[in-house]
PDB file of N, CA and C in Angstrom:
ATOM      1  N   MET A   1     -71.224   7.229 -35.502  1.00  0.00           N
ATOM      2  CA  MET A   1     -69.976   7.749 -35.855  1.00  0.00           C
ATOM      3  C   MET A   1     -70.181   9.346 -35.882  1.00  0.00           C
ATOM      4  N   ARG A   2     -69.253  10.221 -35.302  1.00  0.00           N
ATOM      5  CA  ARG A   2     -69.267  11.470 -35.520  1.00  0.00           C
ATOM      6  C   ARG A   2     -68.788  11.817 -36.913  1.00  0.00           C
ATOM      7  N   PRO A   3     -69.631  12.906 -37.394  1.00  0.00           N
ATOM      8  CA  PRO A   3     -69.438  13.340 -38.740  1.00  0.00           C
ATOM      9  C   PRO A   3     -68.047  13.702 -39.253  1.00  0.00           C
ATOM     10  N   CYS A   4     -67.223  14.256 -38.185  1.00  0.00           N
ATOM     11  CA  CYS A   4     -65.958  14.606 -38.413  1.00  0.00           C
ATOM     12  C   CYS A   4     -65.063  13.274 -38.722  1.00  0.00           C
ATOM     13  N   ASN A   5     -65.428  12.247 -37.911  1.00  0.00           N
ATOM     14  CA  ASN A   5     -64.783  10.981 -38.176  1.00  0.00           C
ATOM     15  C   ASN A   5     -65.261  10.302 -39.306  1.00  0.00           C
ATOM     16  N   ASP A   6     -66.172  10.611 -39.756  1.00  0.00           N
ATOM     17  CA  ASP A   6     -66.754   9.875 -40.991  1.00  0.00           C
ATOM     18  C   ASP A   6     -66.124  10.479 -42.254  1.00  0.00           C
ATOM     19  N   ASN A   7     -65.885  11.767 -42.201  1.00  0.00           N
ATOM     20  CA  ASN A   7     -65.097  12.524 -43.074  1.00  0.00           C
ATOM     21  C   ASN A   7     -63.533  12.039 -43.368  1.00  0.00           C
ATOM     22  N   ILE A   8     -63.016  11.906 -42.063  1.00  0.00           N
ATOM     23  CA  ILE A   8     -61.496  11.392 -42.086  1.00  0.00           C
ATOM     24  C   ILE A   8     -61.526   9.881 -42.667  1.00  0.00           C
ATOM     25  N   LYS A   9     -62.649   8.978 -42.204  1.00  0.00           N
ATOM     26  CA  LYS A   9     -62.601   7.873 -42.787  1.00  0.00           C
ATOM     27  C   LYS A   9     -62.854   7.769 -44.292  1.00  0.00           C
ATOM     28  N   LYS A  10     -63.680   8.578 -44.991  1.00  0.00           N
ATOM     29  CA  LYS A  10     -63.777   8.848 -46.356  1.00  0.00           C
ATOM     30  C   LYS A  10     -62.508   9.247 -47.150  1.00  0.00           C
ATOM     31  N   THR A  11     -61.935  10.175 -46.359  1.00  0.00           N
ATOM     32  CA  THR A  11     -60.502  10.712 -46.966  1.00  0.00           C
ATOM     33  C   THR A  11     -59.823   9.662 -47.033  1.00  0.00           C
ATOM     34  N   LEU A  12     -59.571   8.754 -46.082  1.00  0.00           N
ATOM     35  CA  LEU A  12     -58.487   7.578 -46.044  1.00  0.00           C
ATOM     36  C   LEU A  12     -58.908   6.540 -47.191  1.00  0.00           C
ATOM     37  N   ASP A  13     -60.239   6.354 -47.328  1.00  0.00           N
ATOM     38  CA  ASP A  13     -60.781   5.550 -48.350  1.00  0.00           C
ATOM     39  C   ASP A  13     -60.421   6.185 -49.855  1.00  0.00           C
ATOM     40  N   LEU A  14     -60.584   7.547 -49.997  1.00  0.00           N
ATOM     41  CA  LEU A  14     -60.574   8.168 -51.066  1.00  0.00           C
ATOM     42  C   LEU A  14     -58.854   8.073 -51.218  1.00  0.00           C
ATOM     43  N   SER A  15     -57.961   8.271 -50.568  1.00  0.00           N
ATOM     44  CA  SER A  15     -56.629   8.331 -50.688  1.00  0.00           C
ATOM     45  C   SER A  15     -56.305   6.881 -51.324  1.00  0.00           C
ATOM     46  N   GLU A  16     -56.713   5.915 -50.798  1.00  0.00           N
ATOM     47  CA  GLU A  16     -56.470   4.428 -51.140  1.00  0.00           C
ATOM     48  C   GLU A  16     -56.909   4.223 -52.608  1.00  0.00           C
ATOM     49  N   GLU A  17     -58.002   4.805 -52.994  1.00  0.00           N
ATOM     50  CA  GLU A  17     -58.341   4.557 -54.288  1.00  0.00           C
ATOM     51  C   GLU A  17     -57.587   5.549 -55.146  1.00  0.00           C
ATOM     52  N   MET A  18     -56.964   6.496 -54.729  1.00  0.00           N
ATOM     53  CA  MET A  18     -56.133   7.371 -55.556  1.00  0.00           C
ATOM     54  C   MET A  18     -54.784   6.686 -55.708  1.00  0.00           C
ATOM     55  N   ILE A  19     -54.430   5.985 -54.747  1.00  0.00           N
ATOM     56  CA  ILE A  19     -53.184   5.334 -54.889  1.00  0.00           C
ATOM     57  C   ILE A  19     -53.405   4.215 -55.736  1.00  0.00           C
ATOM     58  N   LYS A  20     -54.401   3.363 -55.779  1.00  0.00           N
ATOM     59  CA  LYS A  20     -54.661   2.224 -56.749  1.00  0.00           C
ATOM     60  C   LYS A  20     -54.735   2.773 -58.236  1.00  0.00           C
ATOM     61  N   LEU A  21     -55.215   3.842 -58.416  1.00  0.00           N
ATOM     62  CA  LEU A  21     -55.621   4.544 -59.475  1.00  0.00           C
ATOM     63  C   LEU A  21     -54.369   4.855 -60.480  1.00  0.00           C
ATOM     64  N   ALA A  22     -53.527   5.676 -59.393  1.00  0.00           N
ATOM     65  CA  ALA A  22     -52.068   5.962 -59.841  1.00  0.00           C
ATOM     66  C   ALA A  22     -51.417   5.023 -60.204  1.00  0.00           C
ATOM     67  N   ASN A  23     -51.363   3.970 -59.554  1.00  0.00           N
ATOM     68  CA  ASN A  23     -50.375   2.662 -59.882  1.00  0.00           C
ATOM     69  C   ASN A  23     -50.965   1.992 -61.145  1.00  0.00           C
ATOM     70  N   LYS A  24     -52.167   1.768 -61.347  1.00  0.00           N
ATOM     71  CA  LYS A  24     -52.837   1.413 -62.643  1.00  0.00           C
ATOM     72  C   LYS A  24     -52.359   2.300 -63.755  1.00  0.00           C
ATOM     73  N   GLY A  25     -52.725   3.760 -63.556  1.00  0.00           N
ATOM     74  CA  GLY A  25     -52.422   4.384 -64.561  1.00  0.00           C
ATOM     75  C   GLY A  25     -50.933   4.676 -65.010  1.00  0.00           C
ATOM     76  N   ASP A  26     -49.977   4.427 -64.129  1.00  0.00           N
ATOM     77  CA  ASP A  26     -48.782   4.241 -64.541  1.00  0.00           C
ATOM     78  C   ASP A  26     -48.245   3.085 -65.256  1.00  0.00           C
ATOM     79  N   ILE A  27     -48.992   1.998 -64.815  1.00  0.00           N
ATOM     80  CA  ILE A  27     -48.458   0.899 -65.618  1.00  0.00           C
ATOM     81  C   ILE A  27     -49.244   1.042 -66.943  1.00  0.00           C
ATOM     82  N   ASP A  28     -50.246   1.380 -67.155  1.00  0.00           N
ATOM     83  CA  ASP A  28     -51.160   1.682 -68.497  1.00  0.00           C
ATOM     84  C   ASP A  28     -50.583   2.664 -69.233  1.00  0.00           C
ATOM     85  N   ARG A  29     -49.830   3.692 -68.757  1.00  0.00           N
ATOM     86  CA  ARG A  29     -49.376   4.911 -69.414  1.00  0.00           C
ATOM     87  C   ARG A  29     -48.519   4.602 -70.884  1.00  0.00           C
ATOM     88  N   GLU A  30     -48.815   5.538 -71.563  1.00  0.00           N
ATOM     89  CA  GLU A  30     -48.169   5.593 -72.979  1.00  0.00           C
ATOM     90  C   GLU A  30     -47.237   6.694 -73.340  1.00  0.00           C
ATOM     91  N   ASP A  31     -47.147   7.711 -72.527  1.00  0.00           N
ATOM     92  CA  ASP A  31     -46.174   8.766 -72.827  1.00  0.00           C
ATOM     93  C   ASP A  31     -45.884   9.372 -71.286  1.00  0.00           C
ATOM     94  N   THR A  32     -44.949  10.188 -71.284  1.00  0.00           N
ATOM     95  CA  THR A  32     -44.453  10.844 -70.179  1.00  0.00           C
ATOM     96  C   THR A  32     -45.247  11.766 -69.404  1.00  0.00           C
ATOM     97  N   GLY A  33     -46.294  12.431 -70.228  1.00  0.00           N
ATOM     98  CA  GLY A  33     -47.307  13.158 -69.650  1.00  0.00           C
ATOM     99  C   GLY A  33     -48.132  12.546 -68.509  1.00  0.00           C
ATOM    100  N   CYS A  34     -48.577  11.453 -69.112  1.00  0.00           N
ATOM    101  CA  CYS A  34     -49.347  10.587 -68.041  1.00  0.00           C
ATOM    102  C   CYS A  34     -48.576  10.153 -66.683  1.00  0.00           C
ATOM    103  N   GLY A  35     -47.381   9.823 -67.029  1.00  0.00           N
ATOM    104  CA  GLY A  35     -46.386   9.648 -65.983  1.00  0.00           C
ATOM    105  C   GLY A  35     -46.132  10.599 -64.728  1.00  0.00           C
ATOM    106  N   ILE A  36     -46.288  11.835 -65.528  1.00  0.00           N
ATOM    107  CA  ILE A  36     -46.407  13.060 -64.500  1.00  0.00           C
ATOM    108  C   ILE A  36     -47.500  13.192 -63.976  1.00  0.00           C
ATOM    109  N   LEU A  37     -48.528  12.852 -64.515  1.00  0.00           N
ATOM    110  CA  LEU A  37     -50.112  13.008 -63.888  1.00  0.00           C
ATOM    111  C   LEU A  37     -50.242  11.924 -62.798  1.00  0.00           C
ATOM    112  N   TYR A  38     -49.850  10.894 -63.216  1.00  0.00           N
ATOM    113  CA  TYR A  38     -49.921   9.638 -62.162  1.00  0.00           C
ATOM    114  C   TYR A  38     -48.890   9.741 -61.161  1.00  0.00           C
ATOM    115  N   GLY A  39     -47.811  10.506 -61.378  1.00  0.00           N
ATOM    116  CA  GLY A  39     -46.868  10.597 -60.199  1.00  0.00           C
ATOM    117  C   GLY A  39     -47.473  11.731 -59.116  1.00  0.00           C
ATOM    118  N   VAL A  40     -47.867  12.723 -59.739  1.00  0.00           N
ATOM    119  CA  VAL A  40     -48.504  13.812 -58.987  1.00  0.00           C
ATOM    120  C   VAL A  40     -49.556  13.122 -57.919  1.00  0.00           C
ATOM    121  N   MET A  41     -50.440  12.217 -58.811  1.00  0.00           N
ATOM    122  CA  MET A  41     -51.731  11.722 -58.130  1.00  0.00           C
ATOM    123  C   MET A  41     -50.982  10.847 -56.789  1.00  0.00           C
ATOM    124  N   LEU A  42     -50.142  10.171 -57.049  1.00  0.00           N
ATOM    125  CA  LEU A  42     -49.522   9.288 -56.177  1.00  0.00           C
ATOM    126  C   LEU A  42     -49.027   9.889 -55.064  1.00  0.00           C
ATOM    127  N   ASP A  43     -48.319  11.107 -55.251  1.00  0.00           N
ATOM    128  CA  ASP A  43     -47.780  11.941 -54.412  1.00  0.00           C
ATOM    129  C   ASP A  43     -48.818  12.411 -53.470  1.00  0.00           C
ATOM    130  N   SER A  44     -49.674  13.162 -54.087  1.00  0.00           N
ATOM    131  CA  SER A  44     -50.982  13.806 -53.302  1.00  0.00           C
ATOM    132  C   SER A  44     -51.738  12.781 -52.453  1.00  0.00           C
ATOM    133  N   ALA A  45     -51.904  11.446 -52.776  1.00  0.00           N
ATOM    134  CA  ALA A  45     -52.582  10.618 -52.090  1.00  0.00           C
ATOM    135  C   ALA A  45     -51.972  10.088 -50.943  1.00  0.00           C
ATOM    136  N   TYR A  46     -50.812  10.031 -50.956  1.00  0.00           N
ATOM    137  CA  TYR A  46     -49.637   9.767 -49.819  1.00  0.00           C
ATOM    138  C   TYR A  46     -49.797  10.912 -48.971  1.00  0.00           C
ATOM    139  N   LYS A  47     -49.832  12.073 -49.398  1.00  0.00           N
ATOM    140  CA  LYS A  47     -49.839  13.260 -48.382  1.00  0.00           C
ATOM    141  C   LYS A  47     -51.111  13.277 -47.904  1.00  0.00           C
ATOM    142  N   LEU A  48     -52.331  13.043 -48.640  1.00  0.00           N
ATOM    143  CA  LEU A  48     -53.625  13.056 -47.825  1.00  0.00           C
ATOM    144  C   LEU A  48     -53.737  11.922 -46.982  1.00  0.00           C
ATOM    145  N   LYS A  49     -53.228  10.852 -47.207  1.00  0.00           N
ATOM    146  CA  LYS A  49     -53.404   9.710 -46.438  1.00  0.00           C
ATOM    147  C   LYS A  49     -52.579  10.026 -45.025  1.00  0.00           C
ATOM    148  N   ARG A  50     -51.574  10.647 -45.017  1.00  0.00           N
ATOM    149  CA  ARG A  50     -50.585  10.954 -43.898  1.00  0.00           C
ATOM    150  C   ARG A  50     -51.432  11.896 -43.094  1.00  0.00           C
ATOM    151  N   LEU A  51     -51.888  13.015 -43.501  1.00  0.00           N
ATOM    152  CA  LEU A  51     -52.505  13.930 -42.932  1.00  0.00           C
ATOM    153  C   LEU A  51     -53.831  13.496 -42.325  1.00  0.00           C
ATOM    154  N   ALA A  52     -54.619  12.555 -42.893  1.00  0.00           N
ATOM    155  CA  ALA A  52     -55.821  12.009 -42.351  1.00  0.00           C
ATOM    156  C   ALA A  52     -55.509  10.819 -41.317  1.00  0.00           C
ATOM    157  N   GLU A  53     -54.501  10.193 -41.340  1.00  0.00           N
ATOM    158  CA  GLU A  53     -54.057   9.256 -40.311  1.00  0.00           C
ATOM    159  C   GLU A  53     -53.639  10.090 -39.083  1.00  0.00           C
ATOM    160  N   LYS A  54     -52.898  11.171 -39.212  1.00  0.00           N
ATOM    161  CA  LYS A  54     -52.482  11.963 -38.206  1.00  0.00           C
ATOM    162  C   LYS A  54     -53.796  12.629 -37.445  1.00  0.00           C
ATOM    163  N   GLU A  55     -54.614  13.093 -38.148  1.00  0.00           N
ATOM    164  CA  GLU A  55     -56.110  13.588 -37.650  1.00  0.00           C
ATOM    165  C   GLU A  55     -56.739  12.478 -37.032  1.00  0.00           C
ATOM    166  N   LYS A  56     -56.784  11.218 -37.362  1.00  0.00           N
ATOM    167  CA  LYS A  56     -57.462  10.102 -36.675  1.00  0.00           C
ATOM    168  C   LYS A  56     -56.775  10.029 -35.418  1.00  0.00           C
ATOM    169  N   GLU A  57     -55.485   9.923 -35.463  1.00  0.00           N
ATOM    170  CA  GLU A  57     -54.582   9.615 -34.203  1.00  0.00           C
ATOM    171  C   GLU A  57     -55.180  10.880 -33.121  1.00  0.00           C
ATOM    172  N   ASN A  58     -55.210  11.935 -33.685  1.00  0.00           N
ATOM    173  CA  ASN A  58     -55.543  13.237 -32.715  1.00  0.00           C
ATOM    174  C   ASN A  58     -56.996  12.779 -32.060  1.00  0.00           C
ATOM    175  N   HIS A  59     -57.924  12.424 -33.000  1.00  0.00           N
ATOM    176  CA  HIS A  59     -59.334  12.278 -32.539  1.00  0.00           C
ATOM    177  C   HIS A  59     -59.239  11.119 -31.539  1.00  0.00           C
ATOM    178  N   ILE A  60     -58.439  10.137 -31.841  1.00  0.00           N
ATOM    179  CA  ILE A  60     -58.397   8.916 -30.864  1.00  0.00           C
ATOM    180  C   ILE A  60     -57.886   9.288 -29.275  1.00  0.00           C
ATOM    181  N   LYS A  61     -56.891  10.179 -29.557  1.00  0.00           N
ATOM    182  CA  LYS A  61     -56.263  10.943 -28.129  1.00  0.00           C
ATOM    183  C   LYS A  61     -57.277  11.564 -27.426  1.00  0.00           C
ATOM    184  N   LYS A  62     -58.085  12.247 -28.155  1.00  0.00           N
ATOM    185  CA  LYS A  62     -59.223  13.157 -27.790  1.00  0.00           C
ATOM    186  C   LYS A  62     -60.299  12.220 -27.024  1.00  0.00           C
ATOM    187  N   GLY A  63     -60.359  11.058 -27.509  1.00  0.00           N
ATOM    188  CA  GLY A  63     -61.439  10.091 -26.986  1.00  0.00           C
ATOM    189  C   GLY A  63     -62.631  10.228 -27.944  1.00  0.00           C
ATOM    190  N   TRP A  64     -62.575  10.686 -28.901  1.00  0.00           N
ATOM    191  CA  TRP A  64     -63.630  11.204 -30.257  1.00  0.00           C
ATOM    192  C   TRP A  64     -63.845   9.804 -31.048  1.00  0.00           C
ATOM    193  N   TRP A  65     -62.807   9.147 -31.283  1.00  0.00           N
ATOM    194  CA  TRP A  65     -62.697   7.898 -32.068  1.00  0.00           C
ATOM    195  C   TRP A  65     -62.727   6.519 -31.334  1.00  0.00           C
ATOM    196  N   LYS A  66     -63.750   5.883 -31.471  1.00  0.00           N
ATOM    197  CA  LYS A  66     -63.728   4.562 -30.812  1.00  0.00           C
ATOM    198  C   LYS A  66     -62.884   3.484 -31.773  1.00  0.00           C
ATOM    199  N   ASN A  67     -62.670   2.422 -31.468  1.00  0.00           N
ATOM    200  CA  ASN A  67     -61.885   1.518 -32.418  1.00  0.00           C
ATOM    201  C   ASN A  67     -62.658   1.250 -33.652  1.00  0.00           C
ATOM    202  N   ASP A  68     -61.859   0.686 -34.507  1.00  0.00           N
ATOM    203  CA  ASP A  68     -62.457   0.637 -35.828  1.00  0.00           C
ATOM    204  C   ASP A  68     -63.709  -0.340 -36.025  1.00  0.00           C
ATOM    205  N   PHE A  69     -63.627  -1.282 -35.155  1.00  0.00           N
ATOM    206  CA  PHE A  69     -64.914  -2.336 -35.056  1.00  0.00           C
ATOM    207  C   PHE A  69     -66.123  -1.562 -34.732  1.00  0.00           C
ATOM    208  N   GLU A  70     -65.901  -0.803 -33.658  1.00  0.00           N
ATOM    209  CA  GLU A  70     -67.150   0.002 -33.190  1.00  0.00           C
ATOM    210  C   GLU A  70     -67.488   1.126 -33.927  1.00  0.00           C
ATOM    211  N   GLN A  71     -66.766   1.487 -34.721  1.00  0.00           N
ATOM    212  CA  GLN A  71     -67.224   2.704 -35.700  1.00  0.00           C
ATOM    213  C   GLN A  71     -68.101   2.266 -36.703  1.00  0.00           C
ATOM    214  N   LYS A  72     -68.052   1.045 -37.169  1.00  0.00           N
ATOM    215  CA  LYS A  72     -68.971   0.534 -38.397  1.00  0.00           C
ATOM    216  C   LYS A  72     -70.417   0.229 -38.109  1.00  0.00           C
TER     217      LYS A  72
END
């Protein structure tokens, strides 16, 4: 796997972890400050995910990214 593709994959994985943590944090929160924190985290995670998916698409179009099965 190209290093640039590996970094995109890691960014996608990280954004998924951020989404999970933000959702759990929101469920467990006890005040509005935490609600703001996890809301910002969730928003940021979705923005990162969207950007990384777009970049993955660009790499696929350039022929730099093989299908996910071959990447592993």
